[in-house]
Amino acid sequence: MAEPSATPIKLYSLEEVAQNKDKKWIAIHNSVYDVNPFLNEHPGGEEILIEQAGKDATEPFEDVGHSTDARELMAKYKIGELIEADRRDTKVKKHDWKSSEEGGSPWSSWLVPAAIGIVATIIYRCYLLYQSSH
């Protein structure tokens, strides 16, 4: 017995995505999403999704560094894929949270400012003690 065929994937052009800007369609990694139902739930605010509506938002999506959970949640809003002519070679960015200058540990970017803040607090308190004694 033959197995039933999977539901065919709906294909859209970038022009169709742009025409459905009001419906909040977005293309990311060659897939098309209707994010209108997700507007109120988006942790970054609905403005970001509205700003990207009707566009290929792959680059802004990757620049933010979305979590694995966010990437899995996207499947719920997928309505199709881009036609072959509009597809781009896209890659998921691996975010390396190391300092770009030093290649150091991820917490080194806040360690120096924290140390400066502690030293400044100590100096200020010493100053206040000195002023109150004179």
N, C-alpha and C. Protein backbone atom coordinates (compact mmCIF):
# COMPACT_ATOMS: atom_id res chain seq x y z
N MET A 1 0.82 -1.17 0.00
CA MET A 1 0.00 0.00 0.00
C MET A 1 0.87 1.25 0.00
N ALA A 2 0.53 2.20 -0.80
CA ALA A 2 1.30 3.44 -0.88
C ALA A 2 0.92 4.36 0.27
N GLU A 3 1.94 5.04 0.80
CA GLU A 3 1.70 6.00 1.88
C GLU A 3 1.16 7.29 1.29
N PRO A 4 0.29 7.98 2.04
CA PRO A 4 -0.21 9.25 1.53
C PRO A 4 0.92 10.25 1.40
N SER A 5 0.87 11.04 0.35
CA SER A 5 1.93 12.01 0.13
C SER A 5 1.80 13.16 1.13
N ALA A 6 2.92 13.73 1.47
CA ALA A 6 2.94 14.87 2.40
C ALA A 6 2.29 16.07 1.72
N THR A 7 1.76 16.96 2.53
CA THR A 7 1.16 18.17 1.99
C THR A 7 2.22 18.96 1.24
N PRO A 8 1.93 19.35 0.00
CA PRO A 8 2.93 20.11 -0.75
C PRO A 8 3.20 21.46 -0.08
N ILE A 9 4.45 21.87 -0.18
CA ILE A 9 4.86 23.14 0.41
C ILE A 9 4.43 24.26 -0.51
N LYS A 10 3.78 25.25 0.07
CA LYS A 10 3.34 26.42 -0.70
C LYS A 10 4.56 27.28 -0.99
N LEU A 11 4.69 27.73 -2.23
CA LEU A 11 5.82 28.57 -2.64
C LEU A 11 5.36 30.00 -2.89
N TYR A 12 6.18 30.94 -2.43
CA TYR A 12 5.89 32.36 -2.58
C TYR A 12 7.12 33.07 -3.13
N SER A 13 6.87 34.15 -3.85
CA SER A 13 7.96 35.00 -4.31
C SER A 13 8.16 36.10 -3.27
N LEU A 14 9.33 36.76 -3.31
CA LEU A 14 9.55 37.91 -2.42
C LEU A 14 8.55 39.02 -2.73
N GLU A 15 8.13 39.09 -3.98
CA GLU A 15 7.12 40.09 -4.36
C GLU A 15 5.80 39.80 -3.64
N GLU A 16 5.43 38.52 -3.54
CA GLU A 16 4.20 38.17 -2.82
C GLU A 16 4.33 38.47 -1.32
N VAL A 17 5.52 38.23 -0.79
CA VAL A 17 5.77 38.55 0.62
C VAL A 17 5.59 40.05 0.83
N ALA A 18 6.15 40.85 -0.06
CA ALA A 18 6.03 42.31 0.03
C ALA A 18 4.57 42.76 -0.11
N GLN A 19 3.82 42.10 -0.98
CA GLN A 19 2.41 42.45 -1.17
C GLN A 19 1.58 42.11 0.07
N ASN A 20 2.06 41.21 0.90
CA ASN A 20 1.35 40.81 2.12
C ASN A 20 1.97 41.43 3.37
N LYS A 21 2.60 42.56 3.19
CA LYS A 21 3.21 43.28 4.31
C LYS A 21 2.17 43.57 5.39
N ASP A 22 0.97 43.96 4.99
CA ASP A 22 -0.09 44.27 5.96
C ASP A 22 -0.51 43.04 6.76
N LYS A 23 -0.33 41.86 6.17
CA LYS A 23 -0.64 40.62 6.89
C LYS A 23 0.53 40.17 7.77
N LYS A 24 1.64 40.93 7.69
CA LYS A 24 2.85 40.67 8.49
C LYS A 24 3.55 39.38 8.06
N TRP A 25 3.73 39.23 6.74
CA TRP A 25 4.52 38.12 6.22
C TRP A 25 5.98 38.53 6.22
N ILE A 26 6.85 37.59 6.60
CA ILE A 26 8.29 37.81 6.66
C ILE A 26 8.99 36.58 6.10
N ALA A 27 10.06 36.81 5.36
CA ALA A 27 10.90 35.69 4.89
C ALA A 27 12.15 35.63 5.74
N ILE A 28 12.47 34.44 6.22
CA ILE A 28 13.69 34.20 7.00
C ILE A 28 14.25 32.86 6.57
N HIS A 29 15.50 32.83 6.16
CA HIS A 29 16.17 31.60 5.70
C HIS A 29 15.33 30.87 4.65
N ASN A 30 14.84 31.64 3.68
CA ASN A 30 14.09 31.11 2.54
C ASN A 30 12.74 30.50 2.89
N SER A 31 12.29 30.69 4.11
CA SER A 31 10.96 30.27 4.52
C SER A 31 10.10 31.52 4.73
N VAL A 32 8.82 31.37 4.52
CA VAL A 32 7.89 32.49 4.66
C VAL A 32 7.03 32.25 5.90
N TYR A 33 6.91 33.30 6.72
CA TYR A 33 6.17 33.21 7.97
C TYR A 33 5.10 34.28 8.03
N ASP A 34 3.95 33.92 8.60
CA ASP A 34 2.91 34.88 8.91
C ASP A 34 3.04 35.14 10.41
N VAL A 35 3.65 36.27 10.78
CA VAL A 35 3.93 36.56 12.18
C VAL A 35 2.85 37.41 12.84
N ASN A 36 1.77 37.70 12.11
CA ASN A 36 0.70 38.51 12.68
C ASN A 36 0.17 37.95 14.00
N PRO A 37 -0.06 36.63 14.11
CA PRO A 37 -0.56 36.10 15.38
C PRO A 37 0.47 36.18 16.52
N PHE A 38 1.73 36.42 16.19
CA PHE A 38 2.81 36.43 17.18
C PHE A 38 3.18 37.84 17.64
N LEU A 39 2.59 38.86 17.03
CA LEU A 39 2.98 40.24 17.33
C LEU A 39 2.97 40.56 18.82
N ASN A 40 1.90 40.23 19.51
CA ASN A 40 1.78 40.58 20.93
C ASN A 40 2.67 39.73 21.83
N GLU A 41 3.14 38.59 21.32
CA GLU A 41 3.97 37.70 22.12
C GLU A 41 5.47 37.91 21.91
N HIS A 42 5.85 38.62 20.86
CA HIS A 42 7.27 38.76 20.52
C HIS A 42 8.01 39.48 21.64
N PRO A 43 9.02 38.84 22.23
CA PRO A 43 9.75 39.44 23.35
C PRO A 43 10.43 40.77 23.01
N GLY A 44 10.78 40.97 21.76
CA GLY A 44 11.43 42.21 21.35
C GLY A 44 10.45 43.32 21.01
N GLY A 45 9.17 43.04 21.13
CA GLY A 45 8.15 44.03 20.81
C GLY A 45 7.64 43.86 19.39
N GLU A 46 6.41 44.23 19.19
CA GLU A 46 5.80 44.05 17.87
C GLU A 46 6.38 44.98 16.82
N GLU A 47 6.96 46.11 17.25
CA GLU A 47 7.49 47.09 16.29
C GLU A 47 8.55 46.47 15.38
N ILE A 48 9.37 45.60 15.95
CA ILE A 48 10.44 44.99 15.17
C ILE A 48 9.87 44.12 14.06
N LEU A 49 8.86 43.34 14.38
CA LEU A 49 8.23 42.49 13.37
C LEU A 49 7.51 43.34 12.32
N ILE A 50 6.85 44.38 12.76
CA ILE A 50 6.14 45.25 11.82
C ILE A 50 7.13 45.93 10.87
N GLU A 51 8.28 46.33 11.41
CA GLU A 51 9.32 46.97 10.59
C GLU A 51 9.86 46.02 9.52
N GLN A 52 9.93 44.73 9.81
CA GLN A 52 10.48 43.76 8.87
C GLN A 52 9.43 43.12 7.96
N ALA A 53 8.15 43.40 8.22
CA ALA A 53 7.07 42.81 7.43
C ALA A 53 7.24 43.12 5.95
N GLY A 54 7.03 42.09 5.14
CA GLY A 54 7.12 42.24 3.70
C GLY A 54 8.53 42.13 3.15
N LYS A 55 9.49 41.78 4.01
CA LYS A 55 10.90 41.74 3.60
C LYS A 55 11.53 40.38 3.90
N ASP A 56 12.73 40.22 3.37
CA ASP A 56 13.59 39.11 3.79
C ASP A 56 14.32 39.60 5.04
N ALA A 57 13.95 39.05 6.17
CA ALA A 57 14.49 39.51 7.46
C ALA A 57 15.55 38.57 8.00
N THR A 58 16.19 37.79 7.14
CA THR A 58 17.19 36.84 7.60
C THR A 58 18.33 37.52 8.35
N GLU A 59 18.89 38.56 7.75
CA GLU A 59 20.04 39.23 8.37
C GLU A 59 19.69 39.85 9.72
N PRO A 60 18.61 40.64 9.82
CA PRO A 60 18.27 41.18 11.14
C PRO A 60 17.96 40.08 12.16
N PHE A 61 17.33 39.00 11.70
CA PHE A 61 17.01 37.88 12.60
C PHE A 61 18.29 37.27 13.16
N GLU A 62 19.28 37.07 12.31
CA GLU A 62 20.54 36.47 12.75
C GLU A 62 21.38 37.45 13.58
N ASP A 63 21.29 38.73 13.26
CA ASP A 63 22.07 39.72 14.02
C ASP A 63 21.66 39.76 15.49
N VAL A 64 20.40 39.46 15.77
CA VAL A 64 19.92 39.48 17.15
C VAL A 64 20.43 38.27 17.92
N GLY A 65 20.61 37.15 17.24
CA GLY A 65 21.08 35.94 17.92
C GLY A 65 19.96 35.22 18.65
N HIS A 66 18.93 34.83 17.93
CA HIS A 66 17.78 34.16 18.53
C HIS A 66 18.16 32.79 19.11
N SER A 67 17.47 32.42 20.16
CA SER A 67 17.71 31.15 20.85
C SER A 67 17.18 29.98 20.04
N THR A 68 17.56 28.79 20.46
CA THR A 68 17.06 27.57 19.84
C THR A 68 15.55 27.49 20.02
N ASP A 69 15.06 27.87 21.19
CA ASP A 69 13.62 27.86 21.44
C ASP A 69 12.88 28.77 20.47
N ALA A 70 13.43 29.95 20.22
CA ALA A 70 12.81 30.89 19.28
C ALA A 70 12.77 30.29 17.88
N ARG A 71 13.85 29.63 17.50
CA ARG A 71 13.92 29.01 16.16
C ARG A 71 12.90 27.88 16.03
N GLU A 72 12.70 27.13 17.11
CA GLU A 72 11.71 26.04 17.08
C GLU A 72 10.29 26.61 17.03
N LEU A 73 10.05 27.71 17.73
CA LEU A 73 8.74 28.33 17.76
C LEU A 73 8.32 28.84 16.38
N MET A 74 9.28 29.19 15.56
CA MET A 74 8.99 29.73 14.23
C MET A 74 8.18 28.76 13.38
N ALA A 75 8.38 27.47 13.57
CA ALA A 75 7.69 26.46 12.75
C ALA A 75 6.18 26.64 12.80
N LYS A 76 5.68 27.10 13.93
CA LYS A 76 4.25 27.31 14.13
C LYS A 76 3.69 28.36 13.16
N TYR A 77 4.53 29.30 12.74
CA TYR A 77 4.09 30.42 11.92
C TYR A 77 4.50 30.30 10.45
N LYS A 78 5.15 29.20 10.11
CA LYS A 78 5.60 29.01 8.72
C LYS A 78 4.42 28.70 7.82
N ILE A 79 4.34 29.46 6.72
CA ILE A 79 3.25 29.24 5.77
C ILE A 79 3.76 28.75 4.41
N GLY A 80 5.06 28.74 4.21
CA GLY A 80 5.60 28.27 2.95
C GLY A 80 7.08 28.59 2.81
N GLU A 81 7.55 28.52 1.58
CA GLU A 81 8.96 28.79 1.28
C GLU A 81 9.05 29.70 0.07
N LEU A 82 10.21 30.31 -0.08
CA LEU A 82 10.45 31.17 -1.25
C LEU A 82 10.66 30.32 -2.50
N ILE A 83 10.23 30.86 -3.63
CA ILE A 83 10.48 30.19 -4.90
C ILE A 83 11.98 30.16 -5.15
N GLU A 84 12.40 29.24 -5.97
CA GLU A 84 13.82 29.03 -6.25
C GLU A 84 14.52 30.31 -6.70
N ALA A 85 13.87 31.11 -7.54
CA ALA A 85 14.49 32.33 -8.07
C ALA A 85 14.79 33.36 -6.99
N ASP A 86 14.06 33.33 -5.88
CA ASP A 86 14.25 34.32 -4.81
C ASP A 86 15.05 33.78 -3.63
N ARG A 87 15.46 32.54 -3.71
CA ARG A 87 16.20 31.95 -2.59
C ARG A 87 17.63 32.50 -2.53
N ARG A 88 18.12 32.60 -1.30
CA ARG A 88 19.50 33.03 -1.06
C ARG A 88 20.22 31.95 -0.27
N ASP A 89 21.52 31.93 -0.42
CA ASP A 89 22.33 31.01 0.38
C ASP A 89 22.46 31.64 1.76
N THR A 90 21.72 31.12 2.72
CA THR A 90 21.74 31.69 4.07
C THR A 90 22.32 30.68 5.04
N LYS A 91 22.94 31.19 6.06
CA LYS A 91 23.53 30.33 7.09
C LYS A 91 23.14 30.87 8.46
N VAL A 92 22.94 29.94 9.37
CA VAL A 92 22.65 30.32 10.75
C VAL A 92 23.96 30.76 11.38
N LYS A 93 23.96 31.95 11.96
CA LYS A 93 25.17 32.46 12.61
C LYS A 93 25.34 31.79 13.95
N LYS A 94 26.55 31.36 14.22
CA LYS A 94 26.89 30.86 15.54
C LYS A 94 27.44 32.04 16.31
N HIS A 95 26.74 32.46 17.35
CA HIS A 95 27.19 33.60 18.12
C HIS A 95 28.26 33.18 19.10
N ASP A 96 29.38 33.85 19.00
CA ASP A 96 30.49 33.64 19.93
C ASP A 96 30.51 34.84 20.85
N TRP A 97 30.14 34.64 22.08
CA TRP A 97 29.97 35.74 23.00
C TRP A 97 31.29 36.22 23.60
N LYS A 98 32.42 35.80 23.04
CA LYS A 98 33.72 36.26 23.51
C LYS A 98 33.97 37.68 23.06
N SER A 99 34.83 38.34 23.78
CA SER A 99 35.22 39.70 23.40
C SER A 99 35.89 39.63 22.05
N SER A 100 35.48 40.49 21.14
CA SER A 100 36.05 40.45 19.79
C SER A 100 37.50 40.90 19.77
N GLU A 101 37.88 41.74 20.73
CA GLU A 101 39.25 42.24 20.75
C GLU A 101 40.22 41.23 21.37
N GLU A 102 39.80 40.61 22.47
CA GLU A 102 40.72 39.76 23.20
C GLU A 102 40.48 38.28 22.98
N GLY A 103 39.27 37.92 22.58
CA GLY A 103 38.94 36.50 22.50
C GLY A 103 38.83 35.91 23.89
N GLY A 104 38.59 36.77 24.90
CA GLY A 104 38.54 36.35 26.29
C GLY A 104 37.22 35.73 26.66
N SER A 105 37.04 35.56 27.98
CA SER A 105 35.82 34.93 28.46
C SER A 105 34.63 35.87 28.31
N PRO A 106 33.42 35.33 28.26
CA PRO A 106 32.25 36.16 28.04
C PRO A 106 31.99 37.18 29.15
N TRP A 107 32.39 36.92 30.37
CA TRP A 107 32.11 37.84 31.45
C TRP A 107 33.16 38.93 31.60
N SER A 108 34.22 38.87 30.83
CA SER A 108 35.25 39.91 30.93
C SER A 108 34.74 41.27 30.46
N SER A 109 33.70 41.28 29.65
CA SER A 109 33.18 42.55 29.16
C SER A 109 32.48 43.35 30.26
N TRP A 110 32.07 42.71 31.33
CA TRP A 110 31.45 43.46 32.43
C TRP A 110 32.34 43.52 33.66
N LEU A 111 33.40 42.73 33.70
CA LEU A 111 34.27 42.69 34.88
C LEU A 111 34.99 44.02 35.09
N VAL A 112 35.56 44.59 34.05
CA VAL A 112 36.31 45.84 34.17
C VAL A 112 35.38 46.99 34.59
N PRO A 113 34.22 47.17 33.96
CA PRO A 113 33.33 48.24 34.42
C PRO A 113 32.87 48.03 35.88
N ALA A 114 32.63 46.80 36.27
CA ALA A 114 32.22 46.52 37.65
C ALA A 114 33.34 46.89 38.62
N ALA A 115 34.57 46.53 38.28
CA ALA A 115 35.72 46.86 39.14
C ALA A 115 35.89 48.38 39.24
N ILE A 116 35.73 49.09 38.15
CA ILE A 116 35.83 50.55 38.17
C ILE A 116 34.75 51.13 39.06
N GLY A 117 33.54 50.60 38.98
CA GLY A 117 32.44 51.07 39.81
C GLY A 117 32.71 50.85 41.29
N ILE A 118 33.27 49.71 41.64
CA ILE A 118 33.59 49.40 43.04
C ILE A 118 34.67 50.36 43.56
N VAL A 119 35.72 50.55 42.78
CA VAL A 119 36.80 51.46 43.17
C VAL A 119 36.27 52.89 43.32
N ALA A 120 35.43 53.33 42.39
CA ALA A 120 34.87 54.68 42.47
C ALA A 120 34.01 54.84 43.72
N THR A 121 33.25 53.81 44.08
CA THR A 121 32.42 53.85 45.28
C THR A 121 33.28 53.97 46.54
N ILE A 122 34.36 53.21 46.61
CA ILE A 122 35.26 53.25 47.76
C ILE A 122 35.90 54.64 47.88
N ILE A 123 36.36 55.18 46.77
CA ILE A 123 36.98 56.51 46.79
C ILE A 123 35.96 57.56 47.23
N TYR A 124 34.74 57.48 46.75
CA TYR A 124 33.70 58.44 47.11
C TYR A 124 33.37 58.35 48.60
N ARG A 125 33.24 57.14 49.12
CA ARG A 125 32.96 56.97 50.55
C ARG A 125 34.10 57.52 51.41
N CYS A 126 35.33 57.27 50.99
CA CYS A 126 36.48 57.82 51.71
C CYS A 126 36.44 59.34 51.69
N TYR A 127 36.09 59.91 50.57
CA TYR A 127 35.97 61.35 50.43
C TYR A 127 34.90 61.90 51.39
N LEU A 128 33.73 61.25 51.44
CA LEU A 128 32.66 61.68 52.34
C LEU A 128 33.08 61.58 53.80
N LEU A 129 33.78 60.53 54.18
CA LEU A 129 34.27 60.37 55.55
C LEU A 129 35.26 61.49 55.89
N TYR A 130 36.14 61.79 54.95
CA TYR A 130 37.12 62.86 55.14
C TYR A 130 36.42 64.21 55.33
N GLN A 131 35.40 64.49 54.49
CA GLN A 131 34.65 65.76 54.57
C GLN A 131 33.89 65.89 55.89
N SER A 132 33.33 64.78 56.37
CA SER A 132 32.54 64.85 57.59
C SER A 132 33.42 65.00 58.84
N SER A 133 34.66 64.58 58.76
CA SER A 133 35.57 64.70 59.90
C SER A 133 36.22 66.08 59.99
N HIS A 134 36.11 66.88 58.95
CA HIS A 134 36.74 68.22 58.95
C HIS A 134 35.74 69.31 58.93
